[in-house]
Amino acid sequence: MKRERPGWLIDCWLGQGARLLERHETFVAVPQEAAAEAIQQVTLAEMPAVRLLFWLRGIRHSGQQTFRDFFSTPPFYILEDEPTREVVIGTAGRLLRPRAFSSPAELRDYAEAGTIKVIANFRVDAVEGGSLMSTETWVQTYGRRASWRFRAYWLVVGPFSALIRREFLRVARRRAEQAQP
């Protein structure tokens, strides 16, 4: 299901047949720019549960890395970025074996049989009384086997992904609120 929402950068990266895996959001009573800055500054050190999950999964990281830095490091790529509004990230390849790409456009156009593409975002929208911080994760599978394998994988990984996203938004909200006078 591809959605087209005016101004949403992620929608340009979703191919036909992309499925929404998860969406999380939180309200924070600060201006959009302050909320966006908080999202940019969250570090992995502020999220011990996330660091533990990364360690258990064998994902290399540093506590001082910002979430943005983490998602700028292969196998992840920043696909599009408007710092005060939305950052779009992605990865693609065979399940648990992501592929290297030379550019965001190459990742966007990638559609090899037997593979998957995961696209996610972190977004801030101005709303009455503050800002709405949100994150979405979408998947596109290429072929029945890739779809079946991904569904089995997501049954196990999905709850942990949700925990990571909710923790990230909680920490970003706390950062934004503490930065306000």
Foldseek 3Di string as FASTA:
>chain_A
DQDDDPPDPLSVLDDPQKDWLDKDKDFAQAALQLLLVLLQQAFQLLPVVVVVVCVVVVNDDDRRDRVVNSQVDPVKHFLDDDSSFKIKMKWKDAVVDTDDDPHSVRLSPDADARMKMKMKMWGWDADPRGIMTMMIIIMHHHYDVSVVVVVVVCVVCVVVVVVVRVSSNVSSSVSSVVVDD
